[in-house]
């Protein structure tokens, strides 16, 4: 059957539509922040998500994907990248502590 064959393009379209609907819902419901994990989602926000959130007060925290293969992203060799990541995590922790 043709409909049972996996097609990457269809999977991406479905994922994009689902994520867009979730972000639109978050913007209507007063969500304070969103944590993204991985570069694919970060790129999606650069392409689409930031436009959806324009005018909202939602803060986006882009963090590395937590997979074992991605350990280097959580402790980058580049000192500036490491400081930026540490600052994002600190900001997220402060957000959670100051606004329960």
Protein backbone atom coordinates (compact mmCIF):
# COMPACT_ATOMS: atom_id res chain seq x y z
CA UNK A 1 0.00 0.00 0.00
CA UNK A 2 1.27 3.42 -0.90
CA UNK A 3 -0.01 5.09 2.28
CA UNK A 4 2.04 2.79 4.52
CA UNK A 5 5.36 3.80 2.98
CA UNK A 6 7.39 6.19 5.08
CA UNK A 7 8.30 9.43 3.41
CA UNK A 8 10.64 11.81 5.20
CA UNK A 9 9.02 14.84 3.57
CA UNK A 10 5.61 13.86 4.94
CA UNK A 11 7.05 13.21 8.39
CA UNK A 12 8.67 16.66 8.44
CA UNK A 13 5.47 18.34 7.30
CA UNK A 14 3.50 16.55 10.00
CA UNK A 15 6.07 17.43 12.68
CA UNK A 16 6.15 21.07 11.52
CA UNK A 17 2.35 21.33 11.66
CA UNK A 18 2.23 19.73 15.12
CA UNK A 19 4.98 21.97 16.52
CA UNK A 20 3.39 25.08 15.03
CA UNK A 21 0.06 24.23 16.67
CA UNK A 22 1.77 23.65 20.04
CA UNK A 23 3.61 26.98 19.85
CA UNK A 24 0.43 28.82 18.85
CA UNK A 25 -1.35 27.20 21.81
CA UNK A 26 1.49 28.23 24.18
CA UNK A 27 1.31 31.82 22.96
CA UNK A 28 -2.44 31.96 23.67
CA UNK A 29 -2.22 30.31 27.09
CA UNK A 30 0.30 32.59 28.79
CA UNK A 31 3.19 30.13 28.85
CA UNK A 32 6.28 31.87 30.28
CA UNK A 33 9.02 29.92 28.54
CA UNK A 34 9.78 27.11 26.14
CA UNK A 35 12.81 24.85 26.30
CA UNK A 36 13.96 23.47 22.97
CA UNK A 37 16.38 20.54 22.69
CA UNK A 38 18.56 20.21 19.63
CA UNK A 39 19.52 22.12 16.54
CA UNK A 40 16.58 20.93 14.42
CA UNK A 41 14.09 22.66 16.71
CA UNK A 42 16.32 25.72 17.02
CA UNK A 43 16.45 25.99 13.21
CA UNK A 44 12.65 25.53 13.05
CA UNK A 45 12.26 28.51 15.39
CA UNK A 46 14.61 30.55 13.22
CA UNK A 47 12.49 29.70 10.15
CA UNK A 48 8.98 29.76 11.61
CA UNK A 49 8.61 29.79 15.37
CA UNK A 50 10.01 33.22 16.14
CA UNK A 51 7.42 34.76 13.83
CA UNK A 52 4.61 32.93 15.64
CA UNK A 53 5.87 34.25 18.97
CA UNK A 54 6.47 37.85 17.91
CA UNK A 55 4.62 40.08 20.33
CA UNK A 56 4.41 37.42 23.04
CA UNK A 57 6.33 37.43 26.31
CA UNK A 58 7.51 33.83 25.95
CA UNK A 59 11.23 33.31 26.48
CA UNK A 60 12.88 30.58 24.40
CA UNK A 61 15.77 28.57 25.84
CA UNK A 62 17.61 26.66 23.10
CA UNK A 63 19.66 23.86 24.67
CA UNK A 64 21.60 20.96 23.15
CA UNK A 65 19.90 17.63 22.57
CA UNK A 66 20.45 15.34 25.57
CA UNK A 67 21.52 12.25 23.61
CA UNK A 68 24.68 10.43 24.62
CA UNK A 69 26.17 11.13 21.19
CA UNK A 70 25.78 14.84 21.91
CA UNK A 71 27.75 15.06 25.16
CA UNK A 72 30.26 17.48 23.62
CA UNK A 73 27.51 20.05 23.11
CA UNK A 74 26.88 20.17 26.85
CA UNK A 75 30.52 20.98 27.58
CA UNK A 76 31.93 22.69 24.49
CA UNK A 77 35.67 23.15 24.14
CA UNK A 78 35.12 26.70 22.92
CA UNK A 79 35.12 28.84 26.07
CA UNK A 80 32.67 31.40 24.65
CA UNK A 81 30.16 28.70 23.66
CA UNK A 82 30.48 27.12 27.10
CA UNK A 83 29.85 30.46 28.82
CA UNK A 84 26.81 31.11 26.62
CA UNK A 85 25.37 27.69 27.46
CA UNK A 86 26.03 28.18 31.17
CA UNK A 87 24.32 31.58 31.02
CA UNK A 88 21.25 30.10 29.30
CA UNK A 89 20.99 27.45 32.00
CA UNK A 90 21.42 30.05 34.77
CA UNK A 91 18.68 32.21 33.21
CA UNK A 92 16.37 29.22 33.00
CA UNK A 93 16.98 28.28 36.64
CA UNK A 94 16.34 31.89 37.70
CA UNK A 95 13.14 31.96 35.66
CA UNK A 96 11.92 28.85 37.47
CA UNK A 97 12.90 30.17 40.90
CA UNK A 98 11.51 33.68 40.60
CA UNK A 99 8.21 32.93 38.90
CA UNK A 100 6.66 29.77 40.34
